[in-house]
Amino acid sequence: MQQQPMQNQSNVMPQPPNIISTKDHLYLQDMLSWNLLAMKKAHFFAEQCQNQELKMELEKAGQMHNRHYQTVLSHLQPQQAQSQQPLQ
C-alpha cells in the first residue's frame, strides 16, 4: 500500500473574526495591563534616578511600553483608529 504525502492544510484565516474568545480577551487584557504597569514603573524609576544616562534609558523603555500599549489598543478599536488618522 502506497502512502500519500500529507497535504499542507493550514488553517490560516484571511481576516480576523469579528468576535474573540474569552481566553483571547483575557490574554489581551493581561497584555495591556503588563505594558501599562511596565510603562509606569519605568517612569517612576526614571524620576528617582540621578544618573542622566540611565534616566534617559528608563524613559525610552517606558515610551516603548506605551507604544506597545497603544498598538494593542488600536487593534482592538479599528473603527476609531481609522477615523483618527490625519487626512492627507
N, C-alpha and C. Protein backbone atom coordinates (compact mmCIF):
# COMPACT_ATOMS: atom_id res chain seq x y z
N MET A 1 0.83 -1.17 0.00
CA MET A 1 0.00 0.00 0.00
C MET A 1 0.88 1.24 0.00
N GLN A 2 0.62 2.17 -0.87
CA GLN A 2 1.44 3.36 -1.02
C GLN A 2 0.86 4.50 -0.18
N GLN A 3 1.75 5.15 0.58
CA GLN A 3 1.30 6.27 1.40
C GLN A 3 1.30 7.54 0.57
N GLN A 4 0.27 8.31 0.75
CA GLN A 4 0.20 9.58 0.04
C GLN A 4 0.83 10.66 0.91
N PRO A 5 1.52 11.58 0.30
CA PRO A 5 2.14 12.65 1.10
C PRO A 5 1.05 13.51 1.76
N MET A 6 1.40 14.00 2.95
CA MET A 6 0.44 14.83 3.68
C MET A 6 0.25 16.16 2.94
N GLN A 7 -0.97 16.55 2.81
CA GLN A 7 -1.24 17.83 2.17
C GLN A 7 -1.11 18.92 3.21
N ASN A 8 -0.63 20.05 2.77
CA ASN A 8 -0.46 21.19 3.67
C ASN A 8 -1.81 21.84 3.87
N GLN A 9 -2.45 21.53 4.97
CA GLN A 9 -3.77 22.07 5.27
C GLN A 9 -3.66 23.06 6.42
N SER A 10 -3.11 24.22 6.14
CA SER A 10 -3.00 25.22 7.21
C SER A 10 -4.34 25.92 7.36
N ASN A 11 -4.68 26.19 8.58
CA ASN A 11 -5.95 26.84 8.89
C ASN A 11 -5.73 28.33 9.09
N VAL A 12 -5.22 28.99 8.09
CA VAL A 12 -4.96 30.42 8.18
C VAL A 12 -6.22 31.19 7.83
N MET A 13 -6.59 32.09 8.72
CA MET A 13 -7.77 32.91 8.48
C MET A 13 -7.37 34.11 7.62
N PRO A 14 -8.09 34.38 6.56
CA PRO A 14 -7.74 35.53 5.72
C PRO A 14 -8.00 36.85 6.43
N GLN A 15 -8.84 36.82 7.43
CA GLN A 15 -9.20 38.04 8.14
C GLN A 15 -9.60 37.64 9.57
N PRO A 16 -9.27 38.48 10.57
CA PRO A 16 -9.63 38.10 11.94
C PRO A 16 -11.15 38.05 12.12
N PRO A 17 -11.62 37.23 13.04
CA PRO A 17 -13.07 37.16 13.27
C PRO A 17 -13.58 38.44 13.92
N ASN A 18 -14.89 38.64 13.83
CA ASN A 18 -15.50 39.84 14.42
C ASN A 18 -15.60 39.74 15.93
N ILE A 19 -15.48 38.53 16.47
CA ILE A 19 -15.52 38.34 17.91
C ILE A 19 -14.28 37.59 18.33
N ILE A 20 -13.94 37.69 19.61
CA ILE A 20 -12.79 36.95 20.13
C ILE A 20 -13.26 36.07 21.28
N SER A 21 -12.50 35.03 21.53
CA SER A 21 -12.86 34.10 22.60
C SER A 21 -12.57 34.75 23.96
N THR A 22 -13.13 34.17 24.99
CA THR A 22 -12.90 34.66 26.35
C THR A 22 -11.42 34.55 26.70
N LYS A 23 -10.80 33.45 26.29
CA LYS A 23 -9.38 33.24 26.57
C LYS A 23 -8.53 34.32 25.88
N ASP A 24 -8.84 34.62 24.62
CA ASP A 24 -8.12 35.67 23.91
C ASP A 24 -8.34 37.03 24.58
N HIS A 25 -9.58 37.28 24.97
CA HIS A 25 -9.90 38.55 25.64
C HIS A 25 -9.09 38.71 26.92
N LEU A 26 -9.00 37.65 27.71
CA LEU A 26 -8.23 37.72 28.95
C LEU A 26 -6.74 37.92 28.67
N TYR A 27 -6.23 37.27 27.63
CA TYR A 27 -4.83 37.45 27.29
C TYR A 27 -4.55 38.88 26.84
N LEU A 28 -5.43 39.44 26.03
CA LEU A 28 -5.26 40.83 25.58
C LEU A 28 -5.33 41.79 26.76
N GLN A 29 -6.24 41.52 27.67
CA GLN A 29 -6.36 42.34 28.87
C GLN A 29 -5.06 42.28 29.69
N ASP A 30 -4.50 41.08 29.83
CA ASP A 30 -3.23 40.93 30.53
C ASP A 30 -2.11 41.69 29.83
N MET A 31 -2.06 41.58 28.50
CA MET A 31 -1.03 42.26 27.73
C MET A 31 -1.09 43.78 27.95
N LEU A 32 -2.30 44.32 27.93
CA LEU A 32 -2.46 45.75 28.17
C LEU A 32 -2.01 46.11 29.58
N SER A 33 -2.38 45.30 30.55
CA SER A 33 -2.00 45.55 31.95
C SER A 33 -0.49 45.49 32.13
N TRP A 34 0.15 44.47 31.52
CA TRP A 34 1.61 44.33 31.66
C TRP A 34 2.33 45.55 31.08
N ASN A 35 1.90 45.99 29.91
CA ASN A 35 2.56 47.13 29.29
C ASN A 35 2.31 48.42 30.06
N LEU A 36 1.11 48.60 30.56
CA LEU A 36 0.81 49.80 31.34
C LEU A 36 1.63 49.82 32.63
N LEU A 37 1.71 48.69 33.31
CA LEU A 37 2.49 48.61 34.54
C LEU A 37 3.98 48.85 34.27
N ALA A 38 4.51 48.25 33.21
CA ALA A 38 5.92 48.43 32.88
C ALA A 38 6.21 49.89 32.54
N MET A 39 5.27 50.54 31.83
CA MET A 39 5.44 51.95 31.50
C MET A 39 5.48 52.80 32.77
N LYS A 40 4.56 52.54 33.69
CA LYS A 40 4.50 53.31 34.94
C LYS A 40 5.75 53.08 35.80
N LYS A 41 6.21 51.83 35.86
CA LYS A 41 7.39 51.53 36.66
C LYS A 41 8.63 52.21 36.07
N ALA A 42 8.78 52.14 34.76
CA ALA A 42 9.94 52.77 34.12
C ALA A 42 9.93 54.27 34.38
N HIS A 43 8.78 54.89 34.29
CA HIS A 43 8.67 56.33 34.55
C HIS A 43 8.99 56.63 36.01
N PHE A 44 8.45 55.83 36.92
CA PHE A 44 8.71 56.04 38.35
C PHE A 44 10.20 55.94 38.65
N PHE A 45 10.86 54.89 38.13
CA PHE A 45 12.28 54.72 38.43
C PHE A 45 13.13 55.78 37.73
N ALA A 46 12.70 56.25 36.58
CA ALA A 46 13.43 57.33 35.91
C ALA A 46 13.36 58.60 36.75
N GLU A 47 12.22 58.85 37.38
CA GLU A 47 12.07 60.02 38.26
C GLU A 47 13.00 59.93 39.47
N GLN A 48 13.26 58.73 39.95
CA GLN A 48 14.10 58.53 41.14
C GLN A 48 15.59 58.52 40.80
N CYS A 49 15.91 58.39 39.54
CA CYS A 49 17.29 58.18 39.10
C CYS A 49 18.05 59.51 39.00
N GLN A 50 19.30 59.51 39.46
CA GLN A 50 20.14 60.71 39.35
C GLN A 50 21.12 60.61 38.19
N ASN A 51 21.39 59.42 37.71
CA ASN A 51 22.27 59.21 36.57
C ASN A 51 21.47 59.54 35.31
N GLN A 52 21.86 60.60 34.61
CA GLN A 52 21.08 61.08 33.46
C GLN A 52 21.02 60.07 32.32
N GLU A 53 22.10 59.35 32.10
CA GLU A 53 22.12 58.34 31.03
C GLU A 53 21.13 57.22 31.34
N LEU A 54 21.14 56.75 32.57
CA LEU A 54 20.21 55.70 32.99
C LEU A 54 18.78 56.21 32.97
N LYS A 55 18.60 57.46 33.38
CA LYS A 55 17.27 58.08 33.38
C LYS A 55 16.69 58.11 31.96
N MET A 56 17.52 58.48 30.99
CA MET A 56 17.06 58.52 29.59
C MET A 56 16.69 57.13 29.09
N GLU A 57 17.48 56.12 29.46
CA GLU A 57 17.19 54.74 29.03
C GLU A 57 15.89 54.23 29.65
N LEU A 58 15.65 54.57 30.91
CA LEU A 58 14.41 54.18 31.55
C LEU A 58 13.21 54.85 30.88
N GLU A 59 13.36 56.13 30.53
CA GLU A 59 12.27 56.83 29.84
C GLU A 59 12.02 56.21 28.46
N LYS A 60 13.09 55.82 27.77
CA LYS A 60 12.92 55.16 26.47
C LYS A 60 12.19 53.84 26.63
N ALA A 61 12.51 53.09 27.68
CA ALA A 61 11.83 51.82 27.92
C ALA A 61 10.35 52.07 28.22
N GLY A 62 10.06 53.10 28.99
CA GLY A 62 8.67 53.45 29.27
C GLY A 62 7.91 53.85 28.02
N GLN A 63 8.57 54.61 27.14
CA GLN A 63 7.94 55.01 25.88
C GLN A 63 7.69 53.80 24.98
N MET A 64 8.61 52.83 25.00
CA MET A 64 8.42 51.61 24.21
C MET A 64 7.17 50.87 24.69
N HIS A 65 7.02 50.73 26.00
CA HIS A 65 5.84 50.04 26.54
C HIS A 65 4.57 50.82 26.24
N ASN A 66 4.66 52.14 26.23
CA ASN A 66 3.50 52.95 25.87
C ASN A 66 3.11 52.72 24.41
N ARG A 67 4.10 52.64 23.52
CA ARG A 67 3.81 52.35 22.11
C ARG A 67 3.16 50.98 21.96
N HIS A 68 3.67 49.98 22.69
CA HIS A 68 3.08 48.63 22.62
C HIS A 68 1.64 48.66 23.12
N TYR A 69 1.40 49.37 24.21
CA TYR A 69 0.05 49.50 24.76
C TYR A 69 -0.88 50.13 23.72
N GLN A 70 -0.44 51.23 23.12
CA GLN A 70 -1.26 51.93 22.13
C GLN A 70 -1.50 51.07 20.89
N THR A 71 -0.50 50.29 20.48
CA THR A 71 -0.64 49.43 19.32
C THR A 71 -1.70 48.36 19.56
N VAL A 72 -1.62 47.69 20.71
CA VAL A 72 -2.61 46.66 21.03
C VAL A 72 -3.99 47.30 21.11
N LEU A 73 -4.08 48.44 21.75
CA LEU A 73 -5.36 49.13 21.88
C LEU A 73 -5.93 49.51 20.51
N SER A 74 -5.08 49.95 19.61
CA SER A 74 -5.56 50.35 18.28
C SER A 74 -6.09 49.16 17.49
N HIS A 75 -5.51 47.98 17.73
CA HIS A 75 -6.01 46.77 17.05
C HIS A 75 -7.37 46.36 17.60
N LEU A 76 -7.64 46.73 18.83
CA LEU A 76 -8.93 46.38 19.44
C LEU A 76 -10.02 47.38 19.09
N GLN A 77 -9.63 48.54 18.58
CA GLN A 77 -10.59 49.58 18.22
C GLN A 77 -10.34 50.04 16.79
N PRO A 78 -10.51 49.16 15.80
CA PRO A 78 -10.14 49.51 14.42
C PRO A 78 -10.95 50.68 13.84
N GLN A 79 -12.22 50.81 14.19
CA GLN A 79 -13.02 51.90 13.64
C GLN A 79 -12.50 53.25 14.14
N GLN A 80 -12.18 53.35 15.41
CA GLN A 80 -11.67 54.59 15.97
C GLN A 80 -10.32 54.94 15.38
N ALA A 81 -9.45 53.94 15.23
CA ALA A 81 -8.11 54.19 14.71
C ALA A 81 -8.18 54.75 13.30
N GLN A 82 -9.08 54.25 12.49
CA GLN A 82 -9.21 54.75 11.12
C GLN A 82 -9.74 56.17 11.09
N SER A 83 -10.66 56.50 11.98
CA SER A 83 -11.24 57.84 11.97
C SER A 83 -10.29 58.86 12.55
N GLN A 84 -9.28 58.45 13.34
CA GLN A 84 -8.36 59.38 13.95
C GLN A 84 -7.13 59.63 13.10
N GLN A 85 -6.93 58.90 12.02
CA GLN A 85 -5.78 59.10 11.17
C GLN A 85 -5.91 60.44 10.45
N PRO A 86 -4.82 61.21 10.38
CA PRO A 86 -4.90 62.52 9.72
C PRO A 86 -5.15 62.35 8.21
N LEU A 87 -5.90 63.25 7.68
CA LEU A 87 -6.16 63.23 6.24
C LEU A 87 -4.97 63.81 5.50
N GLN A 88 -4.72 63.23 4.33
CA GLN A 88 -3.58 63.72 3.53
C GLN A 88 -4.07 64.44 2.31
